[in-house]
């Protein structure tokens, strides 16, 4: 009987740890994480993305969102719908979806390890953040509301 009790306890502990790790991972999904200087993503600018994807990229005055997706990724489609639906209410913010398989160099330069990953560039073309996973509509609205226009210097 004690052997069964020990096994049940071990299984319960393993399940509790796995549930806690899953909860932490899901809690971080869809949130904007700032890009810090010195990281791989910070060194890549919107100009490099534009050089890779060509004229499809129309930089926004306030911000540009570049989502790295894959063809078979269901959350990528959900994320693209969420971002696209909010673009009409946020002038000066543009969205572009890039296929990771077609642009492996960009995915590597940005350290993209899972799709969707949305890269956020400010009006000057500097990477300011990244969103891992599909954001909820409220998370996406919060991210877009936090984008501030870059002042023009004359």
Protein backbone atom coordinates (compact mmCIF):
# COMPACT_ATOMS: atom_id res chain seq x y z
CA UNK A 1 0.00 0.00 0.00
CA UNK A 2 2.77 2.57 0.77
CA UNK A 3 4.25 1.96 -2.70
CA UNK A 4 1.01 3.10 -4.35
CA UNK A 5 0.83 6.14 -2.09
CA UNK A 6 4.38 7.13 -3.04
CA UNK A 7 3.66 6.72 -6.76
CA UNK A 8 0.45 8.75 -6.51
CA UNK A 9 2.32 11.51 -4.68
CA UNK A 10 5.05 11.63 -7.33
CA UNK A 11 2.46 11.79 -10.11
CA UNK A 12 0.59 14.58 -8.31
CA UNK A 13 3.79 16.60 -7.86
CA UNK A 14 4.78 16.16 -11.52
CA UNK A 15 1.32 17.25 -12.66
CA UNK A 16 1.41 20.27 -10.34
CA UNK A 17 4.82 21.38 -11.64
CA UNK A 18 3.78 20.88 -15.28
CA UNK A 19 0.56 22.84 -14.70
CA UNK A 20 2.48 25.67 -13.07
CA UNK A 21 4.94 25.89 -15.96
CA UNK A 22 2.12 25.82 -18.51
CA UNK A 23 0.32 28.59 -16.60
CA UNK A 24 3.48 30.77 -16.57
CA UNK A 25 3.98 30.26 -20.30
CA UNK A 26 0.38 31.11 -21.15
CA UNK A 27 0.43 34.14 -18.87
CA UNK A 28 3.26 35.66 -20.94
CA UNK A 29 1.65 34.87 -24.31
CA UNK A 30 0.50 37.86 -26.35
CA UNK A 31 2.23 40.50 -24.22
CA UNK A 32 4.63 43.12 -25.57
CA UNK A 33 8.17 42.52 -24.42
CA UNK A 34 10.63 45.35 -24.90
CA UNK A 35 13.67 44.74 -27.05
CA UNK A 36 16.83 45.73 -25.23
CA UNK A 37 19.97 47.12 -26.84
CA UNK A 38 22.58 44.48 -27.41
CA UNK A 39 20.16 41.68 -28.28
CA UNK A 40 19.92 40.24 -31.76
CA UNK A 41 16.47 41.70 -32.40
CA UNK A 42 17.54 45.20 -31.39
CA UNK A 43 20.26 45.25 -34.05
CA UNK A 44 17.79 44.58 -36.87
CA UNK A 45 15.99 47.60 -38.21
CA UNK A 46 12.96 48.07 -40.39
CA UNK A 47 15.30 48.96 -43.26
CA UNK A 48 16.71 45.43 -43.18
CA UNK A 49 13.21 43.96 -43.19
CA UNK A 50 12.28 46.18 -46.13
CA UNK A 51 15.39 45.08 -48.02
CA UNK A 52 14.34 41.46 -47.54
CA UNK A 53 10.63 41.75 -48.37
CA UNK A 54 10.75 44.60 -50.86
CA UNK A 55 8.01 47.11 -51.59
CA UNK A 56 5.32 45.07 -49.77
CA UNK A 57 6.44 46.81 -46.59
CA UNK A 58 4.91 50.23 -46.15
CA UNK A 59 6.32 51.70 -42.91
CA UNK A 60 3.82 53.41 -40.64
CA UNK A 61 4.37 56.91 -39.27
CA UNK A 62 3.78 55.77 -35.68
CA UNK A 63 4.74 52.10 -35.87
CA UNK A 64 5.06 49.06 -38.07
CA UNK A 65 4.13 45.55 -36.97
CA UNK A 66 5.87 42.68 -38.75
CA UNK A 67 4.47 39.26 -37.90
CA UNK A 68 6.71 36.28 -38.60
CA UNK A 69 4.35 33.39 -39.39
CA UNK A 70 4.34 29.97 -40.97
CA UNK A 71 1.95 28.52 -43.49
CA UNK A 72 0.62 25.76 -41.25
CA UNK A 73 0.27 27.84 -38.08
CA UNK A 74 -3.34 28.27 -36.94
CA UNK A 75 -2.50 30.79 -34.17
CA UNK A 76 -0.71 32.85 -36.86
CA UNK A 77 -3.97 33.31 -38.76
CA UNK A 78 -5.76 34.28 -35.55
CA UNK A 79 -3.04 36.81 -34.71
CA UNK A 80 -3.07 38.30 -38.23
CA UNK A 81 -6.86 38.73 -38.08
CA UNK A 82 -6.58 40.45 -34.69
CA UNK A 83 -3.88 42.89 -35.83
CA UNK A 84 -5.57 43.59 -39.19
CA UNK A 85 -8.94 44.31 -37.59
CA UNK A 86 -7.39 46.99 -35.38
CA UNK A 87 -5.42 48.81 -38.10
CA UNK A 88 -8.40 50.93 -39.19
CA UNK A 89 -8.67 52.48 -35.72
CA UNK A 90 -4.96 53.25 -35.46
CA UNK A 91 -3.78 55.53 -38.27
CA UNK A 92 -0.05 55.60 -38.78
CA UNK A 93 0.36 51.94 -37.79
CA UNK A 94 0.92 49.38 -40.54
CA UNK A 95 0.95 45.57 -40.41
CA UNK A 96 2.81 43.05 -42.57
CA UNK A 97 2.88 39.27 -42.30
CA UNK A 98 6.13 37.55 -43.35
CA UNK A 99 6.50 33.80 -43.91
CA UNK A 100 9.36 32.44 -41.80
CA UNK A 101 10.15 29.72 -44.35
CA UNK A 102 10.59 32.28 -47.15
CA UNK A 103 12.67 34.64 -44.99
CA UNK A 104 14.80 32.41 -42.78
CA UNK A 105 17.48 35.11 -42.59
CA UNK A 106 15.06 37.51 -40.90
CA UNK A 107 13.72 34.83 -38.57
CA UNK A 108 17.26 34.03 -37.49
CA UNK A 109 18.26 37.69 -37.17
CA UNK A 110 15.27 38.34 -34.91
CA UNK A 111 15.80 35.15 -32.90
CA UNK A 112 12.30 33.92 -33.79
CA UNK A 113 11.89 30.53 -32.15
CA UNK A 114 8.11 30.14 -32.50
CA UNK A 115 5.35 31.51 -34.64
CA UNK A 116 3.61 33.84 -34.52
CA UNK A 117 6.12 36.38 -33.34
CA UNK A 118 5.16 39.99 -33.99
CA UNK A 119 7.97 42.52 -34.12
CA UNK A 120 7.10 46.11 -33.24
CA UNK A 121 9.07 48.94 -34.85
CA UNK A 122 8.68 52.59 -33.93
CA UNK A 123 8.19 55.36 -36.48
CA UNK A 124 11.98 55.69 -36.86
CA UNK A 125 12.27 52.01 -37.84
CA UNK A 126 13.92 50.76 -34.64
CA UNK A 127 12.77 47.51 -33.04
CA UNK A 128 11.10 48.40 -29.74
CA UNK A 129 9.35 45.17 -28.81
CA UNK A 130 8.09 41.75 -29.73
CA UNK A 131 4.92 39.81 -29.04
CA UNK A 132 5.21 36.04 -28.74
CA UNK A 133 2.08 34.14 -29.61
CA UNK A 134 -1.28 35.48 -30.69
CA UNK A 135 -2.49 38.41 -28.60
CA UNK A 136 -6.09 38.66 -27.51
CA UNK A 137 -7.96 41.63 -28.99
CA UNK A 138 -7.69 43.48 -25.67
CA UNK A 139 -3.93 42.81 -25.48
CA UNK A 140 -3.50 44.05 -29.06
CA UNK A 141 -5.52 47.22 -28.34
CA UNK A 142 -3.40 47.84 -25.24
CA UNK A 143 -0.18 47.43 -27.24
CA UNK A 144 -1.37 49.77 -30.01
CA UNK A 145 -2.59 52.35 -27.50
CA UNK A 146 0.86 52.39 -25.91
CA UNK A 147 2.63 53.30 -29.15
CA UNK A 148 3.67 56.93 -29.14
CA UNK A 149 4.41 58.93 -32.27
CA UNK A 150 8.03 59.82 -32.86
CA UNK A 151 8.41 63.61 -32.83
CA UNK A 152 9.51 65.10 -36.12
CA UNK A 153 12.71 67.13 -36.01
CA UNK A 154 12.92 70.00 -38.42
